[in-house]
Amino acid sequence: MNKKYVTDLTDLLWQIEDKKYLDSFVEDLLTEKELKDIADRVKILRLLRQGKTQRAIAEELWISVTTVNRWAKVLKNGTWAFKDLKITL
């Protein structure tokens, strides 16, 4: 992953202090599919943190076990934000 893309985006988002403005910005920035994909990823992470099995999550969200497994690996081996959950899921 290109860290410059990540830094450019996070630097931009970090400047937005108003929640309504941030909501509008994200809504304009991302397509409906991109928003849904991100929301689905957050759901997967949330369910994994709740202790649900990968198979149960896949069935509940109608996605492949492989997709859930990829996010389980992110929780296990990803950045500190996901490993230590410094963010609220």
Protein backbone atom coordinates (compact mmCIF):
# COMPACT_ATOMS: atom_id res chain seq x y z
CA MET A 1 0.00 0.00 0.00
CA ASN A 2 1.24 3.44 -0.88
CA LYS A 3 1.76 5.25 2.43
CA LYS A 4 1.63 8.63 0.67
CA TYR A 5 -2.01 8.01 -0.29
CA VAL A 6 -2.81 7.12 3.32
CA THR A 7 -0.97 10.15 4.68
CA ASP A 8 -2.55 12.52 2.17
CA LEU A 9 -6.04 11.32 3.08
CA THR A 10 -5.53 11.24 6.84
CA ASP A 11 -3.91 14.68 6.81
CA LEU A 12 -6.94 16.00 4.99
CA LEU A 13 -9.46 14.28 7.29
CA TRP A 14 -7.55 15.40 10.38
CA GLN A 15 -8.23 19.03 9.43
CA ILE A 16 -12.01 18.58 9.51
CA GLU A 17 -13.25 19.41 12.99
CA ASP A 18 -16.99 19.64 12.33
CA LYS A 19 -18.85 16.27 12.33
CA LYS A 20 -21.54 17.44 9.89
CA TYR A 21 -18.90 18.72 7.50
CA LEU A 22 -16.96 15.47 7.80
CA ASP A 23 -20.10 13.47 7.05
CA SER A 24 -20.77 15.57 3.96
CA PHE A 25 -17.15 15.38 2.87
CA VAL A 26 -17.06 11.57 3.11
CA GLU A 27 -20.43 11.31 1.37
CA ASP A 28 -19.12 13.40 -1.53
CA LEU A 29 -15.73 11.71 -1.60
CA LEU A 30 -16.84 8.08 -1.71
CA THR A 31 -19.28 6.23 -3.92
CA GLU A 32 -22.19 4.32 -2.40
CA LYS A 33 -20.34 1.04 -3.06
CA GLU A 34 -17.15 2.31 -1.42
CA LEU A 35 -19.11 3.41 1.65
CA LYS A 36 -20.86 0.04 1.84
CA ASP A 37 -17.56 -1.81 1.49
CA ILE A 38 -16.03 0.19 4.35
CA ALA A 39 -19.14 -0.30 6.50
CA ASP A 40 -18.98 -4.06 5.84
CA ARG A 41 -15.32 -4.17 6.87
CA VAL A 42 -16.15 -2.38 10.11
CA LYS A 43 -19.00 -4.86 10.74
CA ILE A 44 -16.61 -7.78 10.21
CA LEU A 45 -14.06 -6.30 12.62
CA ARG A 46 -16.76 -5.56 15.19
CA LEU A 47 -18.13 -9.11 15.03
CA LEU A 48 -14.66 -10.63 15.24
CA ARG A 49 -13.94 -8.53 18.35
CA GLN A 50 -17.21 -9.82 19.82
CA GLY A 51 -15.85 -13.36 19.46
CA LYS A 52 -18.08 -14.59 16.65
CA THR A 53 -16.62 -17.32 14.49
CA GLN A 54 -15.47 -16.52 11.00
CA ARG A 55 -18.03 -18.92 9.56
CA ALA A 56 -20.89 -17.33 11.57
CA ILE A 57 -19.85 -13.87 10.40
CA ALA A 58 -19.67 -15.01 6.77
CA GLU A 59 -23.16 -16.49 7.00
CA GLU A 60 -24.60 -13.46 8.80
CA LEU A 61 -23.19 -10.95 6.31
CA TRP A 62 -23.52 -13.15 3.21
CA ILE A 63 -19.81 -12.96 2.41
CA SER A 64 -17.09 -15.54 1.95
CA VAL A 65 -15.15 -17.03 4.85
CA THR A 66 -12.01 -15.95 2.95
CA THR A 67 -13.07 -12.31 3.26
CA VAL A 68 -13.66 -12.67 6.99
CA ASN A 69 -10.33 -14.47 7.34
CA ARG A 70 -8.53 -11.57 5.68
CA TRP A 71 -9.92 -9.18 8.32
CA ALA A 72 -9.15 -11.62 11.13
CA LYS A 73 -5.54 -11.45 9.96
CA VAL A 74 -5.71 -7.64 10.01
CA LEU A 75 -6.83 -7.77 13.64
CA LYS A 76 -4.04 -10.17 14.47
CA ASN A 77 -1.20 -8.69 12.40
CA GLY A 78 -2.39 -5.25 11.31
CA THR A 79 -1.50 -1.79 12.46
CA TRP A 80 -1.65 -0.81 16.10
CA ALA A 81 -5.07 0.79 15.56
CA PHE A 82 -6.65 -2.60 14.98
CA LYS A 83 -4.47 -4.72 17.26
CA ASP A 84 -4.86 -2.51 20.32
CA LEU A 85 -8.20 -1.10 19.22
CA LYS A 86 -7.30 2.47 19.92
CA ILE A 87 -10.36 3.22 17.82
CA THR A 88 -13.94 2.38 18.66
CA LEU A 89 -15.47 -0.16 16.34
